[in-house]
Structures are given as C-alpha cells and as structure tokens.
Amino acid sequence: MPPAATTRHRPTRLTPDVSLWTGFAAVAVAATLLAEFIVRATIGPRPPLADATALADFLSRTSNETLMIIMIDTVLMAFVIVFLAGFRQIITSSESDLEWVADLAFGAGLLFVGVTLVGDAMEGGAALDAASGHPDPSVLRALTEGHMLMFGSIGCVLLALVSAASGYVTLVSGALPRWTGIVAYVVAVLNVIAVPTIFGGTSDSSFVSAGGVGVAIFATFPWLAWVIAVGIVTIRSRRRRAG
C-alpha cells in the first residue's frame, strides 16, 4: 500500500490589528506628550536672544532638561509614524480610490516628523554647546532661531496639509466618525492662521513669536489632540466589533 499522504500545514501569518496599533500609538502619543509638557514646565521662559550672556547661562543650566525633552519628543515622533501608517491603512481599506489622498496625508506627516526631528537636533546642539563650558553665543542663537522656524511656521504648513487631507478622506470614506473629519479641517485652518507667526519675532514672552506659545497652543497641540481622539475612536470601534 502506498504511504499515507502527509498533509503539510503552513504556519499562520499573523497580521497586526491596524485598529489596535493605531489606537495604541495615539495613547502613547498622549503619554509622551504629557511627559514632555511636565519636563518643559520646569525650565521656565528663555531670555532674549540678544542677551548672549543670559542665553548661554540659561541653556547651560537647562541642558539636561532640554536633552530629556528631545529624547521624549523623538519617541513621540516614532509613535506618530505608527499612527500615520495605521490611519492610512484604515482609510484605504475602506475606500481604495482615496489611496492617493491618504498617501498625501501620510507623506506630509512623515515630512513633518523629519522637520521636527531636525529642529530637535538643532535645539539639542545648542544645549550640548552650552553644557560644554565654553559656549559660542552666535552658535547658540543661530541654532535656537532655526529650531523656532522649524517648530513654528514650517511645521504649521505641513500640519495644515496633513489635517486637510485627513479631514477629506475621513468625510468621504466614512471609515471614522464624521466629527473627526470636521475637527481635522478646523485643525488645518488653525495651522494656516499660525503660519504668519514667522514675522512675530523671537521673544519667548510674545504670544505670536515664531515657534512660540501661540504656535504650540493653536497649531501643534490641536493636531496632537486630534491624533489622540482618532486613536480612542479606533479602539472603541474595535471593541464594538469584538462585542
């Protein structure tokens, strides 16, 4: 008799749950954002860039806190990349015709992450130079001003594009609640409004300065809040499907 046929079982390939990972990334963004805010609150306001002595002393005194913020922000940006990939997959799985618009949001989001990390590197370079004991005032000022532009108007333009594209694909695809798309459009408008802060000077005490408090409150934070909201929605929708 011929030997019995042996059935081969291929190993099951586990595909990560996109809703779970999108929600997890958004929750991680919230946690790292809170940690960054707590550390930044301990630093206090930066002295005017024109006062070279005070600036060098400030950056030297807060160098460790600044480097900690940069480390946290780098981790935050890694979770943002995971969120952007998950958001794109949720949209394209629901409506494949929107893939190019979803790719637009994903690509602009990645570029925003890159610009943010370059700005963090400039801020970290200023902190390292100040901590060396022999800081160069011109280097400190140049690095600080470059960081302010990347965190400010440059980042706002990219976030406006990300938010507008995200709002469009959300409303058209119906993959997420309609209110998340409307909020994305609002975030896009806020970031466009914040772009002219590039002409607002460099004073850390001015609300409309380049890369100042106004940009953080009305541009960057609303987008991160939208990311967190979308992540919570995806987790809740996943639980409803499981139920």
Protein backbone atom coordinates (compact mmCIF):
# COMPACT_ATOMS: atom_id res chain seq x y z
CA MET A 1 0.00 0.00 0.00
CA PRO A 2 1.30 3.50 -0.77
CA PRO A 3 2.27 5.53 2.24
CA ALA A 4 -0.43 7.73 3.58
CA ALA A 5 -0.33 11.24 2.21
CA THR A 6 1.12 13.73 4.64
CA THR A 7 -0.74 17.00 4.93
CA ARG A 8 1.51 19.98 5.34
CA HIS A 9 0.27 22.90 7.33
CA ARG A 10 1.75 26.26 6.51
CA PRO A 11 2.42 28.43 9.52
CA THR A 12 -0.28 31.03 10.04
CA ARG A 13 0.94 34.53 9.34
CA LEU A 14 -0.35 36.92 11.95
CA THR A 15 -1.28 40.36 10.63
CA PRO A 16 -1.17 43.13 13.24
CA ASP A 17 -4.57 44.59 14.04
CA VAL A 18 -4.44 48.04 12.46
CA SER A 19 -7.14 49.50 14.73
CA LEU A 20 -5.37 48.25 17.82
CA TRP A 21 -1.98 49.59 16.79
CA THR A 22 -3.40 52.92 15.64
CA GLY A 23 -5.12 53.35 18.99
CA PHE A 24 -2.07 52.19 20.92
CA ALA A 25 0.15 54.67 19.07
CA ALA A 26 -2.28 57.51 19.83
CA VAL A 27 -2.38 56.63 23.54
CA ALA A 28 1.43 56.53 23.55
CA VAL A 29 1.46 59.98 21.91
CA ALA A 30 -0.72 61.25 24.77
CA ALA A 31 1.59 59.75 27.41
CA THR A 32 4.80 61.10 25.88
CA LEU A 33 3.20 64.50 25.25
CA LEU A 34 2.26 64.75 28.92
CA ALA A 35 5.77 63.76 29.98
CA GLU A 36 7.28 66.36 27.64
CA PHE A 37 4.96 69.07 28.99
CA ILE A 38 5.91 68.27 32.59
CA VAL A 39 9.63 68.48 31.87
CA ARG A 40 9.26 71.66 29.79
CA ALA A 41 7.28 73.34 32.57
CA THR A 42 10.30 73.04 34.87
CA ILE A 43 12.54 75.03 32.52
CA GLY A 44 10.80 78.37 32.51
CA PRO A 45 10.97 81.15 29.90
CA ARG A 46 14.06 81.64 27.76
CA PRO A 47 15.87 85.00 27.99
CA PRO A 48 16.04 87.27 24.90
CA LEU A 49 18.36 86.03 22.16
CA ALA A 50 20.08 89.43 22.10
CA ASP A 51 21.36 88.88 25.65
CA ALA A 52 24.21 86.48 24.85
CA THR A 53 25.35 86.03 28.45
CA ALA A 54 21.90 85.29 29.83
CA LEU A 55 21.13 82.95 26.92
CA ALA A 56 24.33 80.96 27.43
CA ASP A 57 23.68 80.72 31.15
CA PHE A 58 20.07 79.63 30.62
CA LEU A 59 20.93 76.94 28.06
CA SER A 60 23.80 75.68 30.20
CA ARG A 61 21.61 75.49 33.30
CA THR A 62 18.75 73.69 31.49
CA SER A 63 20.81 71.49 29.15
CA ASN A 64 19.85 68.22 30.85
CA GLU A 65 16.15 69.07 30.81
CA THR A 66 16.40 70.10 27.15
CA LEU A 67 18.08 66.84 26.17
CA MET A 68 15.40 64.93 28.10
CA ILE A 69 12.68 66.77 26.18
CA ILE A 70 14.37 65.94 22.88
CA MET A 71 14.60 62.27 23.82
CA ILE A 72 10.90 62.19 24.73
CA ASP A 73 9.97 64.08 21.56
CA THR A 74 11.91 61.58 19.45
CA VAL A 75 9.91 58.71 20.96
CA LEU A 76 6.71 60.72 20.43
CA MET A 77 7.52 61.16 16.74
CA ALA A 78 8.11 57.40 16.40
CA PHE A 79 4.59 56.77 17.69
CA VAL A 80 3.27 59.44 15.31
CA ILE A 81 4.75 57.45 12.40
CA VAL A 82 2.92 54.32 13.60
CA PHE A 83 -0.31 56.31 13.87
CA LEU A 84 0.05 57.79 10.37
CA ALA A 85 0.61 54.33 8.87
CA GLY A 86 -2.39 52.92 10.71
CA PHE A 87 -4.63 55.84 9.74
CA ARG A 88 -3.67 55.43 6.10
CA GLN A 89 -4.48 51.71 6.21
CA ILE A 90 -7.88 52.32 7.83
CA ILE A 91 -8.82 54.77 5.08
CA THR A 92 -7.53 52.75 2.12
CA SER A 93 -9.17 49.56 3.40
CA SER A 94 -12.50 51.36 3.45
CA GLU A 95 -12.18 53.22 0.15
CA SER A 96 -9.31 52.27 -2.18
CA ASP A 97 -10.00 55.19 -4.54
CA LEU A 98 -8.82 57.58 -1.81
CA GLU A 99 -5.39 55.99 -1.63
CA TRP A 100 -3.56 58.90 -3.25
CA VAL A 101 -5.11 61.42 -0.84
CA ALA A 102 -4.31 59.15 2.10
CA ASP A 103 -0.75 58.89 0.77
CA LEU A 104 -0.63 62.69 0.66
CA ALA A 105 -1.52 62.87 4.35
CA PHE A 106 0.94 60.11 5.18
CA GLY A 107 3.80 61.69 3.21
CA ALA A 108 3.24 65.17 4.62
CA GLY A 109 3.05 63.66 8.10
CA LEU A 110 6.37 61.90 7.62
CA LEU A 111 7.93 65.14 6.41
CA PHE A 112 6.58 66.91 9.50
CA VAL A 113 8.22 64.25 11.65
CA GLY A 114 11.51 64.76 9.80
CA VAL A 115 11.37 68.55 10.18
CA THR A 116 10.56 68.20 13.88
CA LEU A 117 13.50 65.87 14.46
CA VAL A 118 15.87 68.24 12.65
CA GLY A 119 14.57 71.06 14.85
CA ASP A 120 15.10 68.89 17.92
CA ALA A 121 18.66 68.20 16.78
CA MET A 122 19.33 71.93 16.47
CA GLU A 123 17.91 72.58 19.94
CA GLY A 124 19.95 69.68 21.30
CA GLY A 125 23.07 71.02 19.62
CA ALA A 126 22.58 74.35 21.38
CA ALA A 127 22.18 72.54 24.71
CA LEU A 128 25.31 70.46 24.16
CA ASP A 129 27.33 73.53 23.15
CA ALA A 130 26.12 75.42 26.22
CA ALA A 131 26.91 72.49 28.52
CA SER A 132 30.50 72.31 27.25
CA GLY A 133 31.50 75.22 29.46
CA HIS A 134 32.70 77.39 26.56
CA PRO A 135 29.55 78.18 24.54
CA ASP A 136 29.64 80.27 21.39
CA PRO A 137 26.84 82.89 21.62
CA SER A 138 26.47 83.15 17.84
CA VAL A 139 26.09 79.35 17.54
CA LEU A 140 23.53 79.24 20.33
CA ARG A 141 21.45 81.99 18.75
CA ALA A 142 21.58 80.53 15.24
CA LEU A 143 20.57 77.05 16.41
CA THR A 144 17.76 78.41 18.57
CA GLU A 145 16.34 80.56 15.77
CA GLY A 146 16.49 77.66 13.32
CA HIS A 147 14.64 75.44 15.78
CA MET A 148 11.94 78.09 16.24
CA LEU A 149 11.26 78.27 12.49
CA MET A 150 11.02 74.50 12.11
CA PHE A 151 8.75 74.15 15.11
CA GLY A 152 6.75 77.18 14.01
CA SER A 153 5.70 78.19 10.51
CA ILE A 154 7.40 75.36 8.62
CA GLY A 155 5.72 72.75 10.77
CA CYS A 156 2.38 74.59 10.57
CA VAL A 157 2.33 74.41 6.76
CA LEU A 158 2.94 70.67 6.85
CA LEU A 159 0.36 70.06 9.58
CA ALA A 160 -2.20 72.08 7.65
CA LEU A 161 -1.67 69.78 4.65
CA VAL A 162 -1.85 66.64 6.82
CA SER A 163 -5.01 67.82 8.56
CA ALA A 164 -6.80 68.94 5.40
CA ALA A 165 -6.08 65.66 3.59
CA SER A 166 -7.04 63.65 6.68
CA GLY A 167 -10.31 65.53 7.04
CA TYR A 168 -11.18 64.94 3.38
CA VAL A 169 -10.55 61.20 3.38
CA THR A 170 -12.36 60.81 6.71
CA LEU A 171 -15.52 62.54 5.49
CA VAL A 172 -15.55 60.86 2.07
CA SER A 173 -14.70 57.33 3.18
CA GLY A 174 -16.89 57.21 6.29
CA ALA A 175 -14.27 54.97 7.90
CA LEU A 176 -14.31 57.14 11.04
CA PRO A 177 -16.99 59.28 12.68
CA ARG A 178 -17.86 62.41 10.74
CA TRP A 179 -16.89 64.72 13.60
CA THR A 180 -13.25 63.58 13.39
CA GLY A 181 -13.10 64.82 9.80
CA ILE A 182 -14.64 68.16 10.74
CA VAL A 183 -12.15 68.57 13.60
CA ALA A 184 -9.31 67.81 11.17
CA TYR A 185 -10.47 70.67 8.94
CA VAL A 186 -10.58 73.00 11.96
CA VAL A 187 -7.03 71.98 12.87
CA ALA A 188 -5.93 72.71 9.30
CA VAL A 189 -7.39 76.22 9.49
CA LEU A 190 -5.71 76.87 12.86
CA ASN A 191 -2.34 75.86 11.44
CA VAL A 192 -2.78 78.13 8.43
CA ILE A 193 -3.59 81.01 10.78
CA ALA A 194 -0.39 80.29 12.74
CA VAL A 195 1.89 80.43 9.67
CA PRO A 196 2.37 84.27 9.76
CA THR A 197 3.99 83.98 13.20
CA ILE A 198 7.22 83.72 11.22
CA PHE A 199 7.13 87.55 11.30
CA GLY A 200 6.40 87.66 15.05
CA GLY A 201 9.99 87.95 16.25
CA THR A 202 11.91 85.70 18.62
CA SER A 203 10.78 86.88 22.06
CA ASP A 204 9.85 83.90 24.19
CA SER A 205 7.37 86.05 26.12
CA SER A 206 5.45 87.07 22.97
CA PHE A 207 2.36 85.01 22.21
CA VAL A 208 2.77 85.44 18.45
CA SER A 209 6.51 84.90 18.22
CA ALA A 210 7.97 82.41 15.74
CA GLY A 211 7.70 78.98 17.32
CA GLY A 212 6.28 80.50 20.50
CA VAL A 213 3.43 79.67 22.84
CA GLY A 214 0.79 80.68 20.31
CA VAL A 215 2.01 78.09 17.79
CA ALA A 216 2.05 75.37 20.44
CA ILE A 217 -1.47 76.13 21.69
CA PHE A 218 -3.28 76.87 18.42
CA ALA A 219 -1.40 74.69 15.91
CA THR A 220 0.72 71.83 17.24
CA PHE A 221 -1.34 70.81 20.26
CA PRO A 222 -4.72 70.73 18.39
CA TRP A 223 -3.24 68.32 15.83
CA LEU A 224 -1.83 66.03 18.53
CA ALA A 225 -5.21 66.19 20.29
CA TRP A 226 -6.85 65.10 17.03
CA VAL A 227 -4.40 62.18 16.78
CA ILE A 228 -5.31 61.09 20.31
CA ALA A 229 -9.05 61.43 19.60
CA VAL A 230 -8.82 59.31 16.43
CA GLY A 231 -6.84 56.68 18.32
CA ILE A 232 -9.51 56.45 21.03
CA VAL A 233 -12.21 56.17 18.36
CA THR A 234 -10.42 53.28 16.64
CA ILE A 235 -10.02 51.41 19.93
CA ARG A 236 -13.70 51.87 20.80
CA SER A 237 -14.82 50.78 17.34
CA ARG A 238 -12.63 47.69 17.60
CA ARG A 239 -14.22 46.77 20.93
CA ARG A 240 -17.72 47.21 19.47
CA ARG A 241 -16.84 44.89 16.57
CA ALA A 242 -15.46 42.34 19.00
CA GLY A 243 -18.65 42.55 21.07
